[in-house]
Amino acid sequence: MRRPTLVTALAPATCRYGAVRIVGSASLTIAATLIGLFGALMLGLAGLSLAGPGLTVIEYADSDDTERAIGIGMGIIALVVWLVLLLSAVLVGLGGVHPKRERRATVWSIVGLSTVLVMGALIAVLATPPPLYH
């Protein structure tokens, strides 16, 4: 008689039941959303704006070029990490053998909610017009 290993003992639970994949996907999506909102916040604090003539950086009296460059860099890196985590959430949630309709609907709903939240925050931040005077 063959003794079951840890991999074969866990395989039926991960393949047959989609709850584990939904929880993993939701966890990744929550982490991705928080990082994406942080990225939008950093771009806003750095003064990046699309409301002027093209892409402009709003000049504030109390910050220098280094602070703005660091803020823009952190914002872009956070948005890239958000995208990678969101794609990972989709792959985790829709992975496995024949995902059911309920699991697909749940995964796409939470990923869509994250996308709407982060893109809405990014649009709100980038639509901020530069001040008329400093």
N, C-alpha and C. Protein backbone atom coordinates (compact mmCIF):
# COMPACT_ATOMS: atom_id res chain seq x y z
N MET A 1 0.84 -1.18 0.00
CA MET A 1 0.00 0.00 0.00
C MET A 1 0.89 1.24 0.00
N ARG A 2 0.54 2.15 -0.88
CA ARG A 2 1.33 3.36 -1.02
C ARG A 2 0.88 4.40 -0.02
N ARG A 3 1.84 5.03 0.60
CA ARG A 3 1.53 6.04 1.60
C ARG A 3 1.32 7.39 0.93
N PRO A 4 0.24 8.14 1.25
CA PRO A 4 0.00 9.42 0.58
C PRO A 4 1.00 10.47 1.05
N THR A 5 1.47 11.23 0.11
CA THR A 5 2.38 12.33 0.46
C THR A 5 1.56 13.58 0.71
N LEU A 6 2.23 14.61 1.15
CA LEU A 6 1.54 15.86 1.45
C LEU A 6 0.92 16.45 0.19
N VAL A 7 1.60 16.33 -0.95
CA VAL A 7 1.10 16.90 -2.19
C VAL A 7 -0.17 16.19 -2.63
N THR A 8 -0.19 14.87 -2.56
CA THR A 8 -1.38 14.14 -2.98
C THR A 8 -2.51 14.30 -1.97
N ALA A 9 -2.19 14.54 -0.72
CA ALA A 9 -3.23 14.74 0.28
C ALA A 9 -3.91 16.10 0.10
N LEU A 10 -3.18 17.10 -0.35
CA LEU A 10 -3.75 18.44 -0.53
C LEU A 10 -4.34 18.65 -1.91
N ALA A 11 -3.98 17.84 -2.87
CA ALA A 11 -4.41 18.05 -4.24
C ALA A 11 -5.93 18.01 -4.42
N PRO A 12 -6.67 17.08 -3.80
CA PRO A 12 -8.11 17.09 -4.02
C PRO A 12 -8.78 18.36 -3.49
N ALA A 13 -8.30 18.89 -2.38
CA ALA A 13 -8.93 20.08 -1.82
C ALA A 13 -8.69 21.30 -2.70
N THR A 14 -7.51 21.42 -3.29
CA THR A 14 -7.24 22.60 -4.11
C THR A 14 -7.83 22.48 -5.50
N CYS A 15 -7.99 21.28 -6.00
CA CYS A 15 -8.54 21.12 -7.35
C CYS A 15 -10.06 21.10 -7.35
N ARG A 16 -10.66 20.47 -6.36
CA ARG A 16 -12.10 20.30 -6.36
C ARG A 16 -12.84 21.52 -5.82
N TYR A 17 -12.29 22.17 -4.84
CA TYR A 17 -12.98 23.28 -4.20
C TYR A 17 -12.33 24.60 -4.60
N GLY A 18 -13.15 25.52 -5.06
CA GLY A 18 -12.63 26.80 -5.53
C GLY A 18 -12.53 27.84 -4.44
N ALA A 19 -12.97 27.52 -3.21
CA ALA A 19 -12.94 28.51 -2.13
C ALA A 19 -11.51 28.94 -1.80
N VAL A 20 -10.59 28.01 -1.84
CA VAL A 20 -9.20 28.35 -1.54
C VAL A 20 -8.66 29.32 -2.59
N ARG A 21 -8.99 29.07 -3.83
CA ARG A 21 -8.53 29.95 -4.90
C ARG A 21 -9.22 31.31 -4.81
N ILE A 22 -10.48 31.35 -4.42
CA ILE A 22 -11.18 32.63 -4.29
C ILE A 22 -10.57 33.45 -3.16
N VAL A 23 -10.26 32.81 -2.03
CA VAL A 23 -9.65 33.52 -0.90
C VAL A 23 -8.26 34.03 -1.29
N GLY A 24 -7.50 33.21 -1.98
CA GLY A 24 -6.18 33.65 -2.42
C GLY A 24 -6.26 34.80 -3.41
N SER A 25 -7.19 34.70 -4.33
CA SER A 25 -7.38 35.77 -5.30
C SER A 25 -7.85 37.06 -4.63
N ALA A 26 -8.76 36.94 -3.67
CA ALA A 26 -9.24 38.13 -2.96
C ALA A 26 -8.13 38.76 -2.14
N SER A 27 -7.30 37.95 -1.52
CA SER A 27 -6.17 38.49 -0.74
C SER A 27 -5.19 39.24 -1.64
N LEU A 28 -4.87 38.65 -2.77
CA LEU A 28 -3.98 39.33 -3.71
C LEU A 28 -4.60 40.62 -4.24
N THR A 29 -5.90 40.60 -4.48
CA THR A 29 -6.58 41.79 -4.99
C THR A 29 -6.61 42.90 -3.95
N ILE A 30 -6.83 42.56 -2.68
CA ILE A 30 -6.82 43.58 -1.63
C ILE A 30 -5.44 44.20 -1.50
N ALA A 31 -4.40 43.36 -1.50
CA ALA A 31 -3.04 43.89 -1.43
C ALA A 31 -2.73 44.76 -2.65
N ALA A 32 -3.16 44.32 -3.82
CA ALA A 32 -2.92 45.08 -5.05
C ALA A 32 -3.64 46.42 -5.00
N THR A 33 -4.87 46.43 -4.50
CA THR A 33 -5.63 47.68 -4.43
C THR A 33 -4.96 48.68 -3.50
N LEU A 34 -4.51 48.21 -2.35
CA LEU A 34 -3.83 49.12 -1.41
C LEU A 34 -2.55 49.68 -2.01
N ILE A 35 -1.80 48.85 -2.71
CA ILE A 35 -0.57 49.33 -3.34
C ILE A 35 -0.89 50.28 -4.49
N GLY A 36 -1.92 49.99 -5.26
CA GLY A 36 -2.32 50.88 -6.35
C GLY A 36 -2.78 52.24 -5.84
N LEU A 37 -3.55 52.25 -4.75
CA LEU A 37 -3.97 53.52 -4.16
C LEU A 37 -2.78 54.30 -3.61
N PHE A 38 -1.80 53.58 -3.06
CA PHE A 38 -0.57 54.24 -2.61
C PHE A 38 0.16 54.87 -3.79
N GLY A 39 0.21 54.16 -4.92
CA GLY A 39 0.85 54.70 -6.11
C GLY A 39 0.17 55.96 -6.61
N ALA A 40 -1.17 55.96 -6.62
CA ALA A 40 -1.91 57.15 -7.03
C ALA A 40 -1.65 58.30 -6.05
N LEU A 41 -1.60 57.99 -4.77
CA LEU A 41 -1.31 59.01 -3.76
C LEU A 41 0.08 59.61 -3.97
N MET A 42 1.06 58.77 -4.24
CA MET A 42 2.43 59.27 -4.44
C MET A 42 2.53 60.15 -5.69
N LEU A 43 1.84 59.78 -6.74
CA LEU A 43 1.85 60.62 -7.94
C LEU A 43 1.18 61.97 -7.66
N GLY A 44 0.12 61.94 -6.87
CA GLY A 44 -0.55 63.19 -6.51
C GLY A 44 0.31 64.06 -5.62
N LEU A 45 0.98 63.46 -4.66
CA LEU A 45 1.84 64.24 -3.77
C LEU A 45 3.07 64.78 -4.49
N ALA A 46 3.50 64.08 -5.54
CA ALA A 46 4.64 64.56 -6.31
C ALA A 46 4.25 65.71 -7.23
N GLY A 47 2.96 65.92 -7.44
CA GLY A 47 2.49 67.04 -8.24
C GLY A 47 2.32 66.73 -9.71
N LEU A 48 2.20 65.48 -10.08
CA LEU A 48 2.01 65.10 -11.48
C LEU A 48 0.59 65.45 -11.90
N SER A 49 0.44 66.07 -13.06
CA SER A 49 -0.88 66.51 -13.52
C SER A 49 -0.98 66.41 -15.03
N LEU A 50 -2.16 66.02 -15.49
CA LEU A 50 -2.46 66.02 -16.92
C LEU A 50 -3.43 67.13 -17.29
N ALA A 51 -3.79 67.97 -16.31
CA ALA A 51 -4.80 69.00 -16.54
C ALA A 51 -4.24 70.20 -17.28
N GLY A 52 -2.96 70.38 -17.28
CA GLY A 52 -2.35 71.51 -17.98
C GLY A 52 -2.09 71.16 -19.43
N PRO A 53 -1.17 71.86 -20.04
CA PRO A 53 -0.80 71.52 -21.42
C PRO A 53 0.08 70.28 -21.45
N GLY A 54 -0.51 69.13 -21.52
CA GLY A 54 0.24 67.88 -21.52
C GLY A 54 0.55 67.43 -20.10
N LEU A 55 1.54 66.60 -19.98
CA LEU A 55 1.96 66.08 -18.68
C LEU A 55 2.85 67.11 -18.01
N THR A 56 2.42 67.61 -16.88
CA THR A 56 3.19 68.62 -16.15
C THR A 56 3.40 68.18 -14.72
N VAL A 57 4.43 68.73 -14.13
CA VAL A 57 4.70 68.52 -12.71
C VAL A 57 4.46 69.85 -12.02
N ILE A 58 3.53 69.86 -11.08
CA ILE A 58 3.18 71.09 -10.38
C ILE A 58 4.33 71.46 -9.44
N GLU A 59 4.80 72.67 -9.55
CA GLU A 59 5.90 73.15 -8.70
C GLU A 59 5.33 73.66 -7.38
N TYR A 60 5.79 73.10 -6.29
CA TYR A 60 5.41 73.58 -4.97
C TYR A 60 6.62 74.24 -4.34
N ALA A 61 6.39 75.24 -3.52
CA ALA A 61 7.49 76.00 -2.93
C ALA A 61 8.27 75.18 -1.90
N ASP A 62 7.63 74.23 -1.25
CA ASP A 62 8.30 73.52 -0.16
C ASP A 62 8.91 72.18 -0.58
N SER A 63 9.02 71.90 -1.87
CA SER A 63 9.64 70.65 -2.33
C SER A 63 10.65 70.95 -3.42
N ASP A 64 11.60 70.06 -3.53
CA ASP A 64 12.61 70.24 -4.57
C ASP A 64 12.48 69.14 -5.63
N ASP A 65 13.36 69.19 -6.62
CA ASP A 65 13.27 68.24 -7.73
C ASP A 65 13.49 66.79 -7.29
N THR A 66 14.36 66.58 -6.31
CA THR A 66 14.65 65.23 -5.86
C THR A 66 13.41 64.60 -5.22
N GLU A 67 12.71 65.36 -4.39
CA GLU A 67 11.51 64.83 -3.76
C GLU A 67 10.43 64.50 -4.79
N ARG A 68 10.29 65.35 -5.77
CA ARG A 68 9.30 65.08 -6.81
C ARG A 68 9.68 63.85 -7.63
N ALA A 69 10.95 63.71 -7.96
CA ALA A 69 11.41 62.55 -8.73
C ALA A 69 11.21 61.25 -7.95
N ILE A 70 11.50 61.29 -6.65
CA ILE A 70 11.31 60.10 -5.82
C ILE A 70 9.82 59.76 -5.75
N GLY A 71 8.97 60.77 -5.58
CA GLY A 71 7.53 60.53 -5.51
C GLY A 71 6.98 59.96 -6.80
N ILE A 72 7.42 60.49 -7.93
CA ILE A 72 6.96 59.97 -9.22
C ILE A 72 7.46 58.54 -9.44
N GLY A 73 8.71 58.30 -9.09
CA GLY A 73 9.27 56.94 -9.22
C GLY A 73 8.55 55.93 -8.35
N MET A 74 8.27 56.30 -7.10
CA MET A 74 7.55 55.40 -6.20
C MET A 74 6.13 55.16 -6.70
N GLY A 75 5.50 56.19 -7.24
CA GLY A 75 4.14 56.03 -7.77
C GLY A 75 4.09 55.10 -8.96
N ILE A 76 5.04 55.24 -9.87
CA ILE A 76 5.08 54.38 -11.06
C ILE A 76 5.39 52.94 -10.67
N ILE A 77 6.35 52.75 -9.76
CA ILE A 77 6.68 51.40 -9.30
C ILE A 77 5.48 50.76 -8.61
N ALA A 78 4.77 51.54 -7.78
CA ALA A 78 3.59 50.99 -7.09
C ALA A 78 2.50 50.61 -8.08
N LEU A 79 2.31 51.38 -9.14
CA LEU A 79 1.29 51.03 -10.14
C LEU A 79 1.69 49.79 -10.93
N VAL A 80 2.98 49.61 -11.19
CA VAL A 80 3.43 48.39 -11.87
C VAL A 80 3.22 47.17 -10.97
N VAL A 81 3.54 47.32 -9.67
CA VAL A 81 3.32 46.22 -8.72
C VAL A 81 1.83 45.92 -8.61
N TRP A 82 0.98 46.97 -8.63
CA TRP A 82 -0.47 46.77 -8.61
C TRP A 82 -0.91 45.92 -9.80
N LEU A 83 -0.41 46.24 -10.96
CA LEU A 83 -0.78 45.50 -12.16
C LEU A 83 -0.32 44.05 -12.09
N VAL A 84 0.90 43.81 -11.61
CA VAL A 84 1.42 42.45 -11.50
C VAL A 84 0.60 41.65 -10.48
N LEU A 85 0.30 42.26 -9.33
CA LEU A 85 -0.49 41.55 -8.32
C LEU A 85 -1.92 41.28 -8.81
N LEU A 86 -2.46 42.22 -9.57
CA LEU A 86 -3.81 42.01 -10.10
C LEU A 86 -3.84 40.87 -11.12
N LEU A 87 -2.83 40.81 -11.97
CA LEU A 87 -2.74 39.70 -12.91
C LEU A 87 -2.51 38.38 -12.18
N SER A 88 -1.73 38.42 -11.10
CA SER A 88 -1.53 37.21 -10.29
C SER A 88 -2.84 36.76 -9.65
N ALA A 89 -3.64 37.73 -9.20
CA ALA A 89 -4.94 37.38 -8.60
C ALA A 89 -5.84 36.71 -9.63
N VAL A 90 -5.80 37.18 -10.86
CA VAL A 90 -6.61 36.56 -11.91
C VAL A 90 -6.11 35.14 -12.19
N LEU A 91 -4.80 34.96 -12.27
CA LEU A 91 -4.25 33.63 -12.54
C LEU A 91 -4.54 32.66 -11.41
N VAL A 92 -4.45 33.13 -10.17
CA VAL A 92 -4.75 32.25 -9.03
C VAL A 92 -6.23 31.91 -9.01
N GLY A 93 -7.08 32.91 -9.20
CA GLY A 93 -8.51 32.67 -9.11
C GLY A 93 -9.07 31.83 -10.23
N LEU A 94 -8.53 31.97 -11.41
CA LEU A 94 -9.07 31.23 -12.55
C LEU A 94 -8.26 29.98 -12.86
N GLY A 95 -7.26 29.69 -12.04
CA GLY A 95 -6.46 28.49 -12.25
C GLY A 95 -7.22 27.24 -11.86
N GLY A 96 -6.59 26.12 -12.05
CA GLY A 96 -7.23 24.86 -11.69
C GLY A 96 -7.96 24.25 -12.87
N VAL A 97 -8.61 23.15 -12.60
CA VAL A 97 -9.30 22.42 -13.64
C VAL A 97 -10.74 22.93 -13.73
N HIS A 98 -11.11 23.45 -14.87
CA HIS A 98 -12.47 23.90 -15.16
C HIS A 98 -13.07 24.76 -14.05
N PRO A 99 -12.65 26.02 -13.93
CA PRO A 99 -13.26 26.88 -12.90
C PRO A 99 -14.75 27.08 -13.18
N LYS A 100 -15.53 27.02 -12.12
CA LYS A 100 -16.98 27.16 -12.27
C LYS A 100 -17.35 28.61 -12.51
N ARG A 101 -18.57 28.81 -12.93
CA ARG A 101 -19.07 30.14 -13.24
C ARG A 101 -19.05 31.05 -12.02
N GLU A 102 -19.37 30.51 -10.84
CA GLU A 102 -19.39 31.31 -9.62
C GLU A 102 -18.00 31.85 -9.30
N ARG A 103 -17.00 30.99 -9.47
CA ARG A 103 -15.63 31.42 -9.18
C ARG A 103 -15.17 32.46 -10.19
N ARG A 104 -15.48 32.25 -11.46
CA ARG A 104 -15.10 33.24 -12.47
C ARG A 104 -15.77 34.58 -12.21
N ALA A 105 -17.04 34.55 -11.84
CA ALA A 105 -17.76 35.80 -11.56
C ALA A 105 -17.18 36.51 -10.35
N THR A 106 -16.84 35.76 -9.32
CA THR A 106 -16.26 36.37 -8.12
C THR A 106 -14.91 36.99 -8.41
N VAL A 107 -14.07 36.26 -9.11
CA VAL A 107 -12.72 36.77 -9.42
C VAL A 107 -12.81 38.02 -10.28
N TRP A 108 -13.60 37.99 -11.33
CA TRP A 108 -13.69 39.15 -12.21
C TRP A 108 -14.35 40.34 -11.50
N SER A 109 -15.25 40.07 -10.55
CA SER A 109 -15.90 41.16 -9.81
C SER A 109 -14.90 41.87 -8.91
N ILE A 110 -14.10 41.11 -8.16
CA ILE A 110 -13.15 41.77 -7.25
C ILE A 110 -12.02 42.43 -8.02
N VAL A 111 -11.60 41.83 -9.12
CA VAL A 111 -10.55 42.47 -9.94
C VAL A 111 -11.10 43.74 -10.59
N GLY A 112 -12.33 43.69 -11.05
CA GLY A 112 -12.95 44.89 -11.64
C GLY A 112 -13.12 45.99 -10.62
N LEU A 113 -13.51 45.64 -9.40
CA LEU A 113 -13.64 46.63 -8.33
C LEU A 113 -12.31 47.29 -8.02
N SER A 114 -11.26 46.50 -7.96
CA SER A 114 -9.93 47.06 -7.73
C SER A 114 -9.52 47.99 -8.86
N THR A 115 -9.80 47.59 -10.09
CA THR A 115 -9.44 48.42 -11.23
C THR A 115 -10.20 49.75 -11.21
N VAL A 116 -11.48 49.70 -10.88
CA VAL A 116 -12.27 50.93 -10.82
C VAL A 116 -11.77 51.85 -9.71
N LEU A 117 -11.45 51.29 -8.55
CA LEU A 117 -10.96 52.11 -7.44
C LEU A 117 -9.63 52.79 -7.76
N VAL A 118 -8.67 52.01 -8.25
CA VAL A 118 -7.35 52.57 -8.51
C VAL A 118 -7.38 53.53 -9.69
N MET A 119 -8.08 53.17 -10.76
CA MET A 119 -8.15 54.07 -11.92
C MET A 119 -8.92 55.33 -11.59
N GLY A 120 -9.97 55.22 -10.77
CA GLY A 120 -10.70 56.41 -10.34
C GLY A 120 -9.82 57.34 -9.52
N ALA A 121 -9.04 56.76 -8.60
CA ALA A 121 -8.12 57.58 -7.81
C ALA A 121 -7.05 58.20 -8.70
N LEU A 122 -6.56 57.45 -9.65
CA LEU A 122 -5.52 57.96 -10.56
C LEU A 122 -6.07 59.08 -11.44
N ILE A 123 -7.28 58.94 -11.92
CA ILE A 123 -7.90 59.99 -12.74
C ILE A 123 -8.13 61.24 -11.89
N ALA A 124 -8.60 61.05 -10.66
CA ALA A 124 -8.82 62.20 -9.78
C ALA A 124 -7.52 62.93 -9.47
N VAL A 125 -6.45 62.17 -9.29
CA VAL A 125 -5.15 62.79 -8.98
C VAL A 125 -4.58 63.49 -10.20
N LEU A 126 -4.63 62.85 -11.34
CA LEU A 126 -4.02 63.43 -12.54
C LEU A 126 -4.85 64.56 -13.14
N ALA A 127 -6.11 64.65 -12.77
CA ALA A 127 -6.97 65.71 -13.29
C ALA A 127 -6.86 66.99 -12.46
N THR A 128 -6.05 66.99 -11.44
CA THR A 128 -5.88 68.17 -10.61
C THR A 128 -5.13 69.23 -11.41
N PRO A 129 -5.76 70.39 -11.62
CA PRO A 129 -5.07 71.44 -12.40
C PRO A 129 -3.99 72.10 -11.57
N PRO A 130 -2.94 72.56 -12.21
CA PRO A 130 -1.91 73.30 -11.48
C PRO A 130 -2.46 74.64 -11.00
N PRO A 131 -1.96 75.15 -9.89
CA PRO A 131 -2.46 76.44 -9.41
C PRO A 131 -2.08 77.57 -10.36
N LEU A 132 -2.89 78.63 -10.34
CA LEU A 132 -2.63 79.76 -11.22
C LEU A 132 -1.41 80.56 -10.76
N TYR A 133 -1.14 80.50 -9.49
CA TYR A 133 0.02 81.23 -8.94
C TYR A 133 0.69 80.34 -7.91
N HIS A 134 1.93 80.65 -7.59
CA HIS A 134 2.68 79.86 -6.61
C HIS A 134 2.74 80.60 -5.31
